[in-house]
Amino acid sequence: MDLEKLSVGYDRLYEEASDLLKKYNPCQFEEGVCINRRERYRGSPKNGCCGHCTHLSSEGCNTKALGCKFVVCEHLYDRFPELCSKLFGLREEAVDKIGVSVLACHINKEDFLYRIS
């Protein structure tokens, strides 16, 4: 297993997914609360899906966890079909080429590479 090749693939997919999420801004955070929490789950924890993650800081996510980029809540499917389609395509590539899936959510790059080596 070529860890350098996996690392490069991981970084590329992470950047592509990050760029898509920045471009579409699906979570639309306001004061630490995503649009889904504001519209549907009033009083829910702040920071949306990331609310209980150990990698979450006051500055946002403090690690590179590719699996997290593929987690989308139900409101995104109808509002952002193009984004979801592109993220799902990247997720399939991540699963096929480097073995990352949404099951790797909250697992940073270093831990992922360590676990598969």
Protein backbone atom coordinates (compact mmCIF):
# COMPACT_ATOMS: atom_id res chain seq x y z
CA MET A 1 0.00 0.00 0.00
CA ASP A 2 1.51 3.30 -1.13
CA LEU A 3 0.77 5.71 1.74
CA GLU A 4 2.19 8.70 -0.14
CA LYS A 5 -0.20 8.11 -3.02
CA LEU A 6 -3.12 7.69 -0.60
CA SER A 7 -2.11 10.88 1.21
CA VAL A 8 -2.02 12.87 -2.03
CA GLY A 9 -5.42 11.45 -3.08
CA TYR A 10 -6.87 12.24 0.35
CA ASP A 11 -5.65 15.85 0.16
CA ARG A 12 -7.00 16.34 -3.37
CA LEU A 13 -10.45 14.99 -2.52
CA TYR A 14 -10.53 16.97 0.72
CA GLU A 15 -9.74 20.21 -1.13
CA GLU A 16 -12.32 19.51 -3.85
CA ALA A 17 -15.03 18.80 -1.28
CA SER A 18 -14.04 21.84 0.78
CA ASP A 19 -14.17 24.06 -2.30
CA LEU A 20 -17.66 22.79 -3.16
CA LEU A 21 -18.91 23.44 0.37
CA LYS A 22 -17.43 26.94 0.32
CA LYS A 23 -18.95 27.68 -3.08
CA TYR A 24 -22.49 26.54 -2.21
CA ASN A 25 -22.44 27.40 1.52
CA PRO A 26 -25.24 24.91 2.22
CA CYS A 27 -25.18 25.16 6.02
CA GLN A 28 -25.56 28.95 6.01
CA PHE A 29 -24.29 29.37 9.55
CA GLU A 30 -25.44 32.40 11.54
CA GLU A 31 -24.02 32.81 15.04
CA GLY A 32 -22.92 29.17 15.05
CA VAL A 33 -26.32 27.77 14.03
CA CYS A 34 -26.93 26.15 10.64
CA ILE A 35 -30.04 26.78 8.56
CA ASN A 36 -31.42 23.31 9.29
CA ARG A 37 -31.22 23.89 13.05
CA ARG A 38 -32.70 27.39 12.71
CA GLU A 39 -35.65 26.31 10.58
CA ARG A 40 -36.49 22.85 11.91
CA TYR A 41 -34.89 22.11 15.24
CA ARG A 42 -35.03 25.26 17.28
CA GLY A 43 -33.07 24.94 20.49
CA SER A 44 -30.79 22.23 19.08
CA PRO A 45 -27.06 22.41 19.68
CA LYS A 46 -25.07 24.94 17.73
CA ASN A 47 -22.64 24.01 14.94
CA GLY A 48 -25.00 21.70 13.10
CA CYS A 49 -23.74 18.19 12.44
CA CYS A 50 -20.38 19.07 13.99
CA GLY A 51 -21.81 20.11 17.36
CA HIS A 52 -20.37 17.25 19.41
CA CYS A 53 -17.14 16.60 17.48
CA THR A 54 -13.90 16.69 19.46
CA HIS A 55 -12.19 18.43 16.53
CA LEU A 56 -14.50 21.43 16.72
CA SER A 57 -13.01 24.61 18.12
CA SER A 58 -14.27 28.16 18.38
CA GLU A 59 -12.57 28.70 15.00
CA GLY A 60 -14.40 25.77 13.38
CA CYS A 61 -12.97 22.39 12.48
CA ASN A 62 -9.32 22.06 13.49
CA THR A 63 -8.47 18.90 11.56
CA LYS A 64 -8.63 17.45 8.06
CA ALA A 65 -11.35 14.77 8.11
CA LEU A 66 -12.45 13.86 4.59
CA GLY A 67 -15.33 11.63 5.70
CA CYS A 68 -17.01 14.61 7.35
CA LYS A 69 -17.15 16.46 4.04
CA PHE A 70 -19.55 13.82 2.72
CA VAL A 71 -22.10 14.07 5.53
CA VAL A 72 -25.10 16.07 4.39
CA CYS A 73 -28.35 16.55 6.24
CA GLU A 74 -31.72 16.01 4.62
CA HIS A 75 -32.41 19.66 3.82
CA LEU A 76 -29.53 19.74 1.34
CA TYR A 77 -30.99 17.21 -1.09
CA ASP A 78 -33.77 19.46 -2.32
CA ARG A 79 -32.04 22.80 -1.91
CA PHE A 80 -28.66 21.85 -3.35
CA PRO A 81 -29.08 18.91 -5.74
CA GLU A 82 -26.02 19.87 -7.81
CA LEU A 83 -23.84 20.10 -4.70
CA CYS A 84 -25.10 16.74 -3.41
CA SER A 85 -24.48 15.09 -6.76
CA LYS A 86 -20.91 16.40 -6.85
CA LEU A 87 -20.23 15.43 -3.23
CA PHE A 88 -21.64 11.95 -3.83
CA GLY A 89 -19.35 11.60 -6.86
CA LEU A 90 -16.34 12.57 -4.74
CA ARG A 91 -17.48 10.17 -2.02
CA GLU A 92 -17.63 7.30 -4.50
CA GLU A 93 -14.12 8.17 -5.67
CA ALA A 94 -12.90 8.32 -2.07
CA VAL A 95 -14.37 4.90 -1.31
CA ASP A 96 -13.07 3.33 -4.52
CA LYS A 97 -9.58 4.82 -4.58
CA ILE A 98 -8.56 5.33 -0.96
CA GLY A 99 -11.13 3.58 1.20
CA VAL A 100 -12.63 6.63 2.93
CA SER A 101 -16.38 6.63 3.53
CA VAL A 102 -18.80 8.52 5.73
CA LEU A 103 -17.93 5.88 8.31
CA ALA A 104 -14.61 7.70 8.58
CA CYS A 105 -16.42 10.77 9.87
CA HIS A 106 -14.51 12.54 12.65
CA ILE A 107 -11.34 10.56 11.82
CA ASN A 108 -8.55 12.87 10.75
CA LYS A 109 -6.13 12.14 7.93
CA GLU A 110 -3.29 10.99 10.14
CA ASP A 111 -5.49 8.52 12.04
CA PHE A 112 -6.98 7.24 8.80
CA LEU A 113 -3.57 6.63 7.23
CA TYR A 114 -2.35 4.96 10.42
CA ARG A 115 -5.36 2.63 10.53
CA ILE A 116 -4.95 1.43 6.96
CA SER A 117 -1.17 1.02 7.05
